[in-house]
Amino acid sequence: MWAETAARLAGVAGAVLGWRPADFWAATPAELAAIGVALAGETGAPPPDRATIDRLMEMFPDG
């Protein structure tokens, strides 16, 4: 579930904000949360926590 959420967030960051993968992975959870709230309103899903992001970075390295 978290991998799918991270993939969607990365896609949104790339498509809407023009972020490269490195920009997405360097973003803090607070930055991702702010983007999520701005795009989805208060009903948006919470962003992944730091431990989840770290785990996803290990699972899907950008090289």
PDB file of N, CA and C in Angstrom:
ATOM      1  N   MET A   1       0.817  -1.193   0.000  1.00  0.00           N
ATOM      2  CA  MET A   1       0.000   0.000   0.000  1.00  0.00           C
ATOM      3  C   MET A   1       0.861   1.257   0.000  1.00  0.00           C
ATOM      4  N   TRP A   2       1.866   1.299   0.869  1.00  0.00           N
ATOM      5  CA  TRP A   2       2.696   2.513   0.931  1.00  0.00           C
ATOM      6  C   TRP A   2       3.495   2.718  -0.345  1.00  0.00           C
ATOM      7  N   ALA A   3       3.931   1.635  -0.979  1.00  0.00           N
ATOM      8  CA  ALA A   3       4.687   1.766  -2.229  1.00  0.00           C
ATOM      9  C   ALA A   3       3.816   2.393  -3.307  1.00  0.00           C
ATOM     10  N   GLU A   4       2.549   1.983  -3.367  1.00  0.00           N
ATOM     11  CA  GLU A   4       1.633   2.567  -4.345  1.00  0.00           C
ATOM     12  C   GLU A   4       1.397   4.044  -4.053  1.00  0.00           C
ATOM     13  N   THR A   5       1.259   4.381  -2.785  1.00  0.00           N
ATOM     14  CA  THR A   5       1.065   5.780  -2.403  1.00  0.00           C
ATOM     15  C   THR A   5       2.289   6.610  -2.761  1.00  0.00           C
ATOM     16  N   ALA A   6       3.474   6.086  -2.479  1.00  0.00           N
ATOM     17  CA  ALA A   6       4.705   6.812  -2.818  1.00  0.00           C
ATOM     18  C   ALA A   6       4.831   6.975  -4.321  1.00  0.00           C
ATOM     19  N   ALA A   7       4.476   5.960  -5.082  1.00  0.00           N
ATOM     20  CA  ALA A   7       4.543   6.066  -6.541  1.00  0.00           C
ATOM     21  C   ALA A   7       3.585   7.134  -7.043  1.00  0.00           C
ATOM     22  N   ARG A   8       2.383   7.188  -6.471  1.00  0.00           N
ATOM     23  CA  ARG A   8       1.430   8.236  -6.876  1.00  0.00           C
ATOM     24  C   ARG A   8       1.960   9.614  -6.507  1.00  0.00           C
ATOM     25  N   LEU A   9       2.495   9.748  -5.299  1.00  0.00           N
ATOM     26  CA  LEU A   9       3.050  11.040  -4.877  1.00  0.00           C
ATOM     27  C   LEU A   9       4.214  11.464  -5.773  1.00  0.00           C
ATOM     28  N   ALA A  10       5.074  10.523  -6.106  1.00  0.00           N
ATOM     29  CA  ALA A  10       6.205  10.840  -6.983  1.00  0.00           C
ATOM     30  C   ALA A  10       5.704  11.273  -8.348  1.00  0.00           C
ATOM     31  N   GLY A  11       4.681  10.600  -8.852  1.00  0.00           N
ATOM     32  CA  GLY A  11       4.107  10.978 -10.142  1.00  0.00           C
ATOM     33  C   GLY A  11       3.490  12.355 -10.110  1.00  0.00           C
ATOM     34  N   VAL A  12       2.760  12.652  -9.047  1.00  0.00           N
ATOM     35  CA  VAL A  12       2.160  13.981  -8.907  1.00  0.00           C
ATOM     36  C   VAL A  12       3.247  15.041  -8.802  1.00  0.00           C
ATOM     37  N   ALA A  13       4.256  14.764  -8.006  1.00  0.00           N
ATOM     38  CA  ALA A  13       5.344  15.740  -7.843  1.00  0.00           C
ATOM     39  C   ALA A  13       6.030  16.003  -9.176  1.00  0.00           C
ATOM     40  N   GLY A  14       6.220  14.965  -9.975  1.00  0.00           N
ATOM     41  CA  GLY A  14       6.840  15.148 -11.284  1.00  0.00           C
ATOM     42  C   GLY A  14       5.938  15.876 -12.260  1.00  0.00           C
ATOM     43  N   ALA A  15       4.681  15.462 -12.331  1.00  0.00           N
ATOM     44  CA  ALA A  15       3.749  16.035 -13.307  1.00  0.00           C
ATOM     45  C   ALA A  15       3.312  17.453 -12.952  1.00  0.00           C
ATOM     46  N   VAL A  16       2.992  17.673 -11.692  1.00  0.00           N
ATOM     47  CA  VAL A  16       2.433  18.962 -11.286  1.00  0.00           C
ATOM     48  C   VAL A  16       3.514  19.964 -10.906  1.00  0.00           C
ATOM     49  N   LEU A  17       4.534  19.481 -10.200  1.00  0.00           N
ATOM     50  CA  LEU A  17       5.549  20.395  -9.691  1.00  0.00           C
ATOM     51  C   LEU A  17       6.831  20.407 -10.518  1.00  0.00           C
ATOM     52  N   GLY A  18       6.955  19.450 -11.422  1.00  0.00           N
ATOM     53  CA  GLY A  18       8.173  19.369 -12.222  1.00  0.00           C
ATOM     54  C   GLY A  18       9.359  18.811 -11.456  1.00  0.00           C
ATOM     55  N   TRP A  19       9.071  18.099 -10.360  1.00  0.00           N
ATOM     56  CA  TRP A  19      10.152  17.536  -9.554  1.00  0.00           C
ATOM     57  C   TRP A  19      10.770  16.332 -10.244  1.00  0.00           C
ATOM     58  N   ARG A  20      12.079  16.203 -10.119  1.00  0.00           N
ATOM     59  CA  ARG A  20      12.794  14.995 -10.534  1.00  0.00           C
ATOM     60  C   ARG A  20      12.727  14.004  -9.368  1.00  0.00           C
ATOM     61  N   PRO A  21      13.020  12.716  -9.603  1.00  0.00           N
ATOM     62  CA  PRO A  21      12.977  11.758  -8.497  1.00  0.00           C
ATOM     63  C   PRO A  21      13.810  12.203  -7.290  1.00  0.00           C
ATOM     64  N   ALA A  22      14.981  12.768  -7.536  1.00  0.00           N
ATOM     65  CA  ALA A  22      15.825  13.210  -6.415  1.00  0.00           C
ATOM     66  C   ALA A  22      15.134  14.297  -5.598  1.00  0.00           C
ATOM     67  N   ASP A  23      14.379  15.171  -6.260  1.00  0.00           N
ATOM     68  CA  ASP A  23      13.643  16.211  -5.539  1.00  0.00           C
ATOM     69  C   ASP A  23      12.578  15.592  -4.639  1.00  0.00           C
ATOM     70  N   PHE A  24      11.868  14.607  -5.188  1.00  0.00           N
ATOM     71  CA  PHE A  24      10.830  13.937  -4.400  1.00  0.00           C
ATOM     72  C   PHE A  24      11.419  13.251  -3.177  1.00  0.00           C
ATOM     73  N   TRP A  25      12.479  12.459  -3.378  1.00  0.00           N
ATOM     74  CA  TRP A  25      13.047  11.697  -2.269  1.00  0.00           C
ATOM     75  C   TRP A  25      13.753  12.593  -1.258  1.00  0.00           C
ATOM     76  N   ALA A  26      14.158  13.792  -1.674  1.00  0.00           N
ATOM     77  CA  ALA A  26      14.793  14.722  -0.738  1.00  0.00           C
ATOM     78  C   ALA A  26      13.767  15.526   0.065  1.00  0.00           C
ATOM     79  N   ALA A  27      12.525  15.494  -0.359  1.00  0.00           N
ATOM     80  CA  ALA A  27      11.484  16.258   0.334  1.00  0.00           C
ATOM     81  C   ALA A  27      11.218  15.659   1.710  1.00  0.00           C
ATOM     82  N   THR A  28      10.892  16.515   2.637  1.00  0.00           N
ATOM     83  CA  THR A  28      10.558  16.058   3.983  1.00  0.00           C
ATOM     84  C   THR A  28       9.096  15.606   4.023  1.00  0.00           C
ATOM     85  N   PRO A  29       8.744  14.793   5.007  1.00  0.00           N
ATOM     86  CA  PRO A  29       7.328  14.433   5.152  1.00  0.00           C
ATOM     87  C   PRO A  29       6.429  15.666   5.291  1.00  0.00           C
ATOM     88  N   ALA A  30       6.907  16.701   5.965  1.00  0.00           N
ATOM     89  CA  ALA A  30       6.100  17.919   6.111  1.00  0.00           C
ATOM     90  C   ALA A  30       5.859  18.586   4.759  1.00  0.00           C
ATOM     91  N   GLU A  31       6.871  18.593   3.891  1.00  0.00           N
ATOM     92  CA  GLU A  31       6.695  19.171   2.553  1.00  0.00           C
ATOM     93  C   GLU A  31       5.693  18.351   1.739  1.00  0.00           C
ATOM     94  N   LEU A  32       5.811  17.036   1.815  1.00  0.00           N
ATOM     95  CA  LEU A  32       4.869  16.183   1.101  1.00  0.00           C
ATOM     96  C   LEU A  32       3.461  16.354   1.647  1.00  0.00           C
ATOM     97  N   ALA A  33       3.332  16.499   2.954  1.00  0.00           N
ATOM     98  CA  ALA A  33       2.014  16.712   3.556  1.00  0.00           C
ATOM     99  C   ALA A  33       1.401  18.020   3.079  1.00  0.00           C
ATOM    100  N   ALA A  34       2.207  19.062   3.024  1.00  0.00           N
ATOM    101  CA  ALA A  34       1.708  20.357   2.570  1.00  0.00           C
ATOM    102  C   ALA A  34       1.212  20.281   1.132  1.00  0.00           C
ATOM    103  N   ILE A  35       1.932  19.556   0.289  1.00  0.00           N
ATOM    104  CA  ILE A  35       1.510  19.382  -1.101  1.00  0.00           C
ATOM    105  C   ILE A  35       0.214  18.579  -1.158  1.00  0.00           C
ATOM    106  N   GLY A  36       0.155  17.511  -0.369  1.00  0.00           N
ATOM    107  CA  GLY A  36      -1.054  16.695  -0.341  1.00  0.00           C
ATOM    108  C   GLY A  36      -2.275  17.483   0.085  1.00  0.00           C
ATOM    109  N   VAL A  37      -2.146  18.297   1.112  1.00  0.00           N
ATOM    110  CA  VAL A  37      -3.257  19.125   1.580  1.00  0.00           C
ATOM    111  C   VAL A  37      -3.641  20.140   0.518  1.00  0.00           C
ATOM    112  N   ALA A  38      -2.642  20.746  -0.107  1.00  0.00           N
ATOM    113  CA  ALA A  38      -2.924  21.754  -1.133  1.00  0.00           C
ATOM    114  C   ALA A  38      -3.658  21.147  -2.323  1.00  0.00           C
ATOM    115  N   LEU A  39      -3.300  19.936  -2.715  1.00  0.00           N
ATOM    116  CA  LEU A  39      -3.908  19.305  -3.882  1.00  0.00           C
ATOM    117  C   LEU A  39      -5.226  18.604  -3.569  1.00  0.00           C
ATOM    118  N   ALA A  40      -5.335  18.009  -2.384  1.00  0.00           N
ATOM    119  CA  ALA A  40      -6.507  17.197  -2.073  1.00  0.00           C
ATOM    120  C   ALA A  40      -7.396  17.804  -0.998  1.00  0.00           C
ATOM    121  N   GLY A  41      -6.980  18.864  -0.379  1.00  0.00           N
ATOM    122  CA  GLY A  41      -7.747  19.430   0.716  1.00  0.00           C
ATOM    123  C   GLY A  41      -7.536  18.640   1.986  1.00  0.00           C
ATOM    124  N   GLU A  42      -8.237  18.973   3.005  1.00  0.00           N
ATOM    125  CA  GLU A  42      -8.076  18.336   4.307  1.00  0.00           C
ATOM    126  C   GLU A  42      -8.452  16.857   4.300  1.00  0.00           C
ATOM    127  N   THR A  43      -9.170  16.388   3.296  1.00  0.00           N
ATOM    128  CA  THR A  43      -9.578  14.993   3.267  1.00  0.00           C
ATOM    129  C   THR A  43      -8.542  14.086   2.609  1.00  0.00           C
ATOM    130  N   GLY A  44      -7.417  14.637   2.189  1.00  0.00           N
ATOM    131  CA  GLY A  44      -6.382  13.829   1.551  1.00  0.00           C
ATOM    132  C   GLY A  44      -5.779  12.820   2.515  1.00  0.00           C
ATOM    133  N   ALA A  45      -5.244  11.744   1.965  1.00  0.00           N
ATOM    134  CA  ALA A  45      -4.596  10.724   2.786  1.00  0.00           C
ATOM    135  C   ALA A  45      -3.332  11.304   3.410  1.00  0.00           C
ATOM    136  N   PRO A  46      -2.992  10.870   4.617  1.00  0.00           N
ATOM    137  CA  PRO A  46      -1.774  11.385   5.245  1.00  0.00           C
ATOM    138  C   PRO A  46      -0.547  10.901   4.476  1.00  0.00           C
ATOM    139  N   PRO A  47       0.497  11.693   4.473  1.00  0.00           N
ATOM    140  CA  PRO A  47       1.714  11.283   3.779  1.00  0.00           C
ATOM    141  C   PRO A  47       2.413  10.158   4.537  1.00  0.00           C
ATOM    142  N   PRO A  48       3.275   9.421   3.867  1.00  0.00           N
ATOM    143  CA  PRO A  48       4.016   8.379   4.574  1.00  0.00           C
ATOM    144  C   PRO A  48       4.963   9.001   5.598  1.00  0.00           C
ATOM    145  N   ASP A  49       5.212   8.285   6.687  1.00  0.00           N
ATOM    146  CA  ASP A  49       6.149   8.782   7.693  1.00  0.00           C
ATOM    147  C   ASP A  49       7.587   8.531   7.236  1.00  0.00           C
ATOM    148  N   ARG A  50       8.541   9.057   7.966  1.00  0.00           N
ATOM    149  CA  ARG A  50       9.952   8.973   7.580  1.00  0.00           C
ATOM    150  C   ARG A  50      10.427   7.518   7.467  1.00  0.00           C
ATOM    151  N   ALA A  51       9.990   6.672   8.385  1.00  0.00           N
ATOM    152  CA  ALA A  51      10.416   5.275   8.329  1.00  0.00           C
ATOM    153  C   ALA A  51       9.921   4.606   7.044  1.00  0.00           C
ATOM    154  N   THR A  52       8.708   4.914   6.637  1.00  0.00           N
ATOM    155  CA  THR A  52       8.168   4.349   5.402  1.00  0.00           C
ATOM    156  C   THR A  52       8.926   4.874   4.193  1.00  0.00           C
ATOM    157  N   ILE A  53       9.224   6.148   4.192  1.00  0.00           N
ATOM    158  CA  ILE A  53       9.993   6.734   3.082  1.00  0.00           C
ATOM    159  C   ILE A  53      11.374   6.095   3.007  1.00  0.00           C
ATOM    160  N   ASP A  54      12.023   5.926   4.159  1.00  0.00           N
ATOM    161  CA  ASP A  54      13.344   5.282   4.176  1.00  0.00           C
ATOM    162  C   ASP A  54      13.265   3.869   3.612  1.00  0.00           C
ATOM    163  N   ARG A  55      12.228   3.121   4.024  1.00  0.00           N
ATOM    164  CA  ARG A  55      12.062   1.758   3.535  1.00  0.00           C
ATOM    165  C   ARG A  55      11.830   1.749   2.022  1.00  0.00           C
ATOM    166  N   LEU A  56      11.008   2.670   1.525  1.00  0.00           N
ATOM    167  CA  LEU A  56      10.766   2.755   0.081  1.00  0.00           C
ATOM    168  C   LEU A  56      12.019   3.140  -0.689  1.00  0.00           C
ATOM    169  N   MET A  57      12.822   4.015  -0.104  1.00  0.00           N
ATOM    170  CA  MET A  57      14.083   4.402  -0.764  1.00  0.00           C
ATOM    171  C   MET A  57      15.019   3.191  -0.894  1.00  0.00           C
ATOM    172  N   GLU A  58      15.016   2.325   0.113  1.00  0.00           N
ATOM    173  CA  GLU A  58      15.819   1.109   0.029  1.00  0.00           C
ATOM    174  C   GLU A  58      15.265   0.156  -1.011  1.00  0.00           C
ATOM    175  N   MET A  59      13.952   0.037  -1.061  1.00  0.00           N
ATOM    176  CA  MET A  59      13.317  -0.891  -1.995  1.00  0.00           C
ATOM    177  C   MET A  59      13.419  -0.415  -3.450  1.00  0.00           C
ATOM    178  N   PHE A  60      13.367   0.899  -3.658  1.00  0.00           N
ATOM    179  CA  PHE A  60      13.331   1.464  -5.000  1.00  0.00           C
ATOM    180  C   PHE A  60      14.373   2.572  -5.143  1.00  0.00           C
ATOM    181  N   PRO A  61      15.670   2.219  -5.134  1.00  0.00           N
ATOM    182  CA  PRO A  61      16.711   3.253  -5.251  1.00  0.00           C
ATOM    183  C   PRO A  61      16.675   3.903  -6.646  1.00  0.00           C
ATOM    184  N   ASP A  62      17.004   5.168  -6.680  1.00  0.00           N
ATOM    185  CA  ASP A  62      17.051   5.896  -7.949  1.00  0.00           C
ATOM    186  C   ASP A  62      18.397   5.781  -8.629  1.00  0.00           C
ATOM    187  N   GLY A  63      19.330   5.115  -7.999  1.00  0.00           N
ATOM    188  CA  GLY A  63      20.630   4.890  -8.610  1.00  0.00           C
ATOM    189  C   GLY A  63      21.558   5.923  -8.240  1.00  0.00           C
TER     190      GLY A  63
END
